[in-house]
Amino acid sequence: MPAELNVEAQWQGGWRFDALTGTGHTVVMDAAVEDEGTEAGARPMELLLVGIAGCTAMDVVSILKTMRQEVRSYRVKVTGRRRDDHPKVFTHILIEHFVQGDVSEDRLARAVELSNQKYCSAQAMMRGVAEIETRYEIERP
């Protein structure tokens, strides 16, 4: 049976919601001040990008470790562009991977490709909605 995940969001007043995940973690969501929010938490659409970042980051680091690549530092930046009209879905998502360490460019490219095409469920969910562009860079000291 496939894994089931759950989240419950409790309204705190205004536009703030505290979401409790099934694993016991709390995520605060709110709107921008110009939208009558208080900036107390992340925007829900930002959290979709957080999910993509976390999903692909875990994949890439895991794959590079399996390939015996020495990763000293890794970060991923995800930028999303949305439609102007409702529903304001993402139309373009840029995923940028930055790795420091003794890492082969070919192996990094393969790790990113495997995450994009096979392992990252968050990207797979967005693939039919938004164009997903990926870049990577090995940062040398």
C-alpha atoms as a PDB file:
ATOM      1  CA  MET A   1       0.000   0.000   0.000  1.00  0.00           C
ATOM      2  CA  PRO A   2       1.420   3.434  -0.933  1.00  0.00           C
ATOM      3  CA  ALA A   3       2.495   5.745   1.871  1.00  0.00           C
ATOM      4  CA  GLU A   4      -0.121   8.199   3.038  1.00  0.00           C
ATOM      5  CA  LEU A   5       0.894  11.651   4.243  1.00  0.00           C
ATOM      6  CA  ASN A   6      -1.262  14.129   6.089  1.00  0.00           C
ATOM      7  CA  VAL A   7      -1.193  17.727   7.200  1.00  0.00           C
ATOM      8  CA  GLU A   8      -3.717  19.682   9.238  1.00  0.00           C
ATOM      9  CA  ALA A   9      -3.838  23.494   9.073  1.00  0.00           C
ATOM     10  CA  GLN A  10      -5.376  25.449  11.951  1.00  0.00           C
ATOM     11  CA  TRP A  11      -6.467  29.042  11.384  1.00  0.00           C
ATOM     12  CA  GLN A  12      -4.817  31.459  13.844  1.00  0.00           C
ATOM     13  CA  GLY A  13      -6.681  34.579  12.711  1.00  0.00           C
ATOM     14  CA  GLY A  14      -5.970  37.012   9.907  1.00  0.00           C
ATOM     15  CA  TRP A  15      -4.230  35.028   7.182  1.00  0.00           C
ATOM     16  CA  ARG A  16      -2.039  32.957   9.506  1.00  0.00           C
ATOM     17  CA  PHE A  17      -2.370  29.192   9.599  1.00  0.00           C
ATOM     18  CA  ASP A  18      -0.244  26.763  11.591  1.00  0.00           C
ATOM     19  CA  ALA A  19       0.071  23.454   9.790  1.00  0.00           C
ATOM     20  CA  LEU A  20       0.916  20.324  11.759  1.00  0.00           C
ATOM     21  CA  THR A  21       2.412  17.527   9.711  1.00  0.00           C
ATOM     22  CA  GLY A  22       1.718  13.876  10.346  1.00  0.00           C
ATOM     23  CA  THR A  23       5.326  13.572  11.517  1.00  0.00           C
ATOM     24  CA  GLY A  24       4.766  16.178  14.225  1.00  0.00           C
ATOM     25  CA  HIS A  25       6.363  19.269  12.694  1.00  0.00           C
ATOM     26  CA  THR A  26       4.722  22.696  12.641  1.00  0.00           C
ATOM     27  CA  VAL A  27       4.890  24.995   9.627  1.00  0.00           C
ATOM     28  CA  VAL A  28       3.619  28.559   9.903  1.00  0.00           C
ATOM     29  CA  MET A  29       1.945  30.105   6.858  1.00  0.00           C
ATOM     30  CA  ASP A  30       0.851  33.699   6.374  1.00  0.00           C
ATOM     31  CA  ALA A  31       0.275  36.314   3.703  1.00  0.00           C
ATOM     32  CA  ALA A  32       2.242  39.435   2.841  1.00  0.00           C
ATOM     33  CA  VAL A  33       1.399  42.708   4.591  1.00  0.00           C
ATOM     34  CA  GLU A  34       0.063  44.135   1.311  1.00  0.00           C
ATOM     35  CA  ASP A  35      -2.387  41.200   1.253  1.00  0.00           C
ATOM     36  CA  GLU A  36      -3.485  41.892   4.857  1.00  0.00           C
ATOM     37  CA  GLY A  37      -1.131  39.301   6.337  1.00  0.00           C
ATOM     38  CA  THR A  38       1.462  39.807   9.051  1.00  0.00           C
ATOM     39  CA  GLU A  39       4.479  38.111   7.432  1.00  0.00           C
ATOM     40  CA  ALA A  40       4.464  35.566  10.291  1.00  0.00           C
ATOM     41  CA  GLY A  41       5.276  32.617   8.035  1.00  0.00           C
ATOM     42  CA  ALA A  42       5.995  31.279   4.597  1.00  0.00           C
ATOM     43  CA  ARG A  43       3.543  31.636   1.732  1.00  0.00           C
ATOM     44  CA  PRO A  44       1.887  28.370   0.675  1.00  0.00           C
ATOM     45  CA  MET A  45       3.342  28.678  -2.849  1.00  0.00           C
ATOM     46  CA  GLU A  46       6.829  29.126  -1.368  1.00  0.00           C
ATOM     47  CA  LEU A  47       6.312  25.859   0.465  1.00  0.00           C
ATOM     48  CA  LEU A  48       5.736  24.075  -2.842  1.00  0.00           C
ATOM     49  CA  LEU A  49       9.193  25.286  -3.901  1.00  0.00           C
ATOM     50  CA  VAL A  50      10.599  24.196  -0.512  1.00  0.00           C
ATOM     51  CA  GLY A  51       9.246  20.720  -1.226  1.00  0.00           C
ATOM     52  CA  ILE A  52      10.979  20.617  -4.598  1.00  0.00           C
ATOM     53  CA  ALA A  53      14.228  21.900  -3.080  1.00  0.00           C
ATOM     54  CA  GLY A  54      14.212  19.348  -0.284  1.00  0.00           C
ATOM     55  CA  CYS A  55      13.210  16.469  -2.522  1.00  0.00           C
ATOM     56  CA  THR A  56      15.853  17.043  -5.184  1.00  0.00           C
ATOM     57  CA  ALA A  57      18.543  17.960  -2.626  1.00  0.00           C
ATOM     58  CA  MET A  58      18.100  14.701  -0.751  1.00  0.00           C
ATOM     59  CA  ASP A  59      18.204  12.786  -4.031  1.00  0.00           C
ATOM     60  CA  VAL A  60      21.332  14.485  -5.375  1.00  0.00           C
ATOM     61  CA  VAL A  61      23.332  14.172  -2.149  1.00  0.00           C
ATOM     62  CA  SER A  62      22.304  10.527  -1.746  1.00  0.00           C
ATOM     63  CA  ILE A  63      23.207   9.681  -5.346  1.00  0.00           C
ATOM     64  CA  LEU A  64      26.563  11.477  -5.123  1.00  0.00           C
ATOM     65  CA  LYS A  65      27.390   9.574  -1.917  1.00  0.00           C
ATOM     66  CA  THR A  66      26.485   6.305  -3.650  1.00  0.00           C
ATOM     67  CA  MET A  67      28.829   7.334  -6.482  1.00  0.00           C
ATOM     68  CA  ARG A  68      31.563   7.899  -3.848  1.00  0.00           C
ATOM     69  CA  GLN A  69      31.836  11.603  -4.613  1.00  0.00           C
ATOM     70  CA  GLU A  70      33.253  13.782  -1.825  1.00  0.00           C
ATOM     71  CA  VAL A  71      30.664  16.495  -1.265  1.00  0.00           C
ATOM     72  CA  ARG A  72      31.839  19.165   1.210  1.00  0.00           C
ATOM     73  CA  SER A  73      28.952  21.556   0.706  1.00  0.00           C
ATOM     74  CA  TYR A  74      25.722  21.478  -1.231  1.00  0.00           C
ATOM     75  CA  ARG A  75      22.880  23.940  -1.702  1.00  0.00           C
ATOM     76  CA  VAL A  76      19.980  24.176  -4.077  1.00  0.00           C
ATOM     77  CA  LYS A  77      18.059  27.287  -5.128  1.00  0.00           C
ATOM     78  CA  VAL A  78      14.562  26.969  -6.590  1.00  0.00           C
ATOM     79  CA  THR A  79      12.902  29.931  -8.286  1.00  0.00           C
ATOM     80  CA  GLY A  80       9.338  29.826  -9.534  1.00  0.00           C
ATOM     81  CA  ARG A  81       7.546  32.158 -11.936  1.00  0.00           C
ATOM     82  CA  ARG A  82       3.751  32.254 -11.725  1.00  0.00           C
ATOM     83  CA  ARG A  83       0.850  33.245 -13.968  1.00  0.00           C
ATOM     84  CA  ASP A  84      -0.603  36.698 -13.448  1.00  0.00           C
ATOM     85  CA  ASP A  85      -4.192  35.403 -13.564  1.00  0.00           C
ATOM     86  CA  HIS A  86      -5.972  33.004 -11.213  1.00  0.00           C
ATOM     87  CA  PRO A  87      -5.189  30.291 -10.581  1.00  0.00           C
ATOM     88  CA  LYS A  88      -1.661  31.685 -10.262  1.00  0.00           C
ATOM     89  CA  VAL A  89       0.107  28.395 -10.940  1.00  0.00           C
ATOM     90  CA  PHE A  90       3.816  28.113 -11.568  1.00  0.00           C
ATOM     91  CA  THR A  91       4.645  28.306 -15.265  1.00  0.00           C
ATOM     92  CA  HIS A  92       8.436  28.033 -14.964  1.00  0.00           C
ATOM     93  CA  ILE A  93      10.634  26.589 -12.234  1.00  0.00           C
ATOM     94  CA  LEU A  94      14.415  26.959 -12.204  1.00  0.00           C
ATOM     95  CA  ILE A  95      16.372  24.522 -10.020  1.00  0.00           C
ATOM     96  CA  GLU A  96      20.031  25.426  -9.449  1.00  0.00           C
ATOM     97  CA  HIS A  97      22.397  22.994  -7.706  1.00  0.00           C
ATOM     98  CA  PHE A  98      25.671  24.261  -6.203  1.00  0.00           C
ATOM     99  CA  VAL A  99      28.210  21.690  -5.016  1.00  0.00           C
ATOM    100  CA  GLN A 100      31.613  22.076  -3.403  1.00  0.00           C
ATOM    101  CA  GLY A 101      34.005  19.171  -3.148  1.00  0.00           C
ATOM    102  CA  ASP A 102      35.905  16.614  -5.139  1.00  0.00           C
ATOM    103  CA  VAL A 103      32.999  15.913  -7.474  1.00  0.00           C
ATOM    104  CA  SER A 104      33.112  14.816 -11.098  1.00  0.00           C
ATOM    105  CA  GLU A 105      31.011  17.002 -13.389  1.00  0.00           C
ATOM    106  CA  ASP A 106      29.740  13.906 -15.207  1.00  0.00           C
ATOM    107  CA  ARG A 107      28.635  12.317 -11.936  1.00  0.00           C
ATOM    108  CA  LEU A 108      26.933  15.505 -10.777  1.00  0.00           C
ATOM    109  CA  ALA A 109      25.113  15.798 -14.100  1.00  0.00           C
ATOM    110  CA  ARG A 110      23.954  12.184 -13.760  1.00  0.00           C
ATOM    111  CA  ALA A 111      22.807  12.678 -10.152  1.00  0.00           C
ATOM    112  CA  VAL A 112      20.786  15.760 -11.124  1.00  0.00           C
ATOM    113  CA  GLU A 113      19.290  13.941 -14.124  1.00  0.00           C
ATOM    114  CA  LEU A 114      18.272  10.941 -12.003  1.00  0.00           C
ATOM    115  CA  SER A 115      16.608  13.224  -9.472  1.00  0.00           C
ATOM    116  CA  ASN A 116      14.798  15.153 -12.215  1.00  0.00           C
ATOM    117  CA  GLN A 117      13.614  12.183 -14.231  1.00  0.00           C
ATOM    118  CA  LYS A 118      13.199   9.340 -11.760  1.00  0.00           C
ATOM    119  CA  TYR A 119      13.350  10.034  -8.041  1.00  0.00           C
ATOM    120  CA  CYS A 120      12.014  13.494  -7.130  1.00  0.00           C
ATOM    121  CA  SER A 121       8.272  13.095  -6.647  1.00  0.00           C
ATOM    122  CA  ALA A 122       7.816  16.828  -6.071  1.00  0.00           C
ATOM    123  CA  GLN A 123       9.231  17.611  -9.516  1.00  0.00           C
ATOM    124  CA  ALA A 124       7.112  14.899 -11.088  1.00  0.00           C
ATOM    125  CA  MET A 125       3.991  16.541  -9.598  1.00  0.00           C
ATOM    126  CA  MET A 126       4.877  19.866 -11.221  1.00  0.00           C
ATOM    127  CA  ARG A 127       6.190  18.556 -14.546  1.00  0.00           C
ATOM    128  CA  GLY A 128       2.870  18.737 -16.393  1.00  0.00           C
ATOM    129  CA  VAL A 129       2.080  22.205 -15.040  1.00  0.00           C
ATOM    130  CA  ALA A 130       5.347  24.129 -15.274  1.00  0.00           C
ATOM    131  CA  GLU A 131       8.427  24.075 -17.430  1.00  0.00           C
ATOM    132  CA  ILE A 132      11.253  22.849 -15.201  1.00  0.00           C
ATOM    133  CA  GLU A 133      14.762  24.036 -15.976  1.00  0.00           C
ATOM    134  CA  THR A 134      17.799  22.670 -14.158  1.00  0.00           C
ATOM    135  CA  ARG A 135      21.339  23.982 -13.817  1.00  0.00           C
ATOM    136  CA  TYR A 136      24.279  22.818 -11.756  1.00  0.00           C
ATOM    137  CA  GLU A 137      27.661  24.171 -10.825  1.00  0.00           C
ATOM    138  CA  ILE A 138      30.706  22.791  -9.061  1.00  0.00           C
ATOM    139  CA  GLU A 139      32.101  25.589  -6.930  1.00  0.00           C
ATOM    140  CA  ARG A 140      35.858  25.266  -6.580  1.00  0.00           C
ATOM    141  CA  PRO A 141      37.674  26.968  -3.681  1.00  0.00           C
END
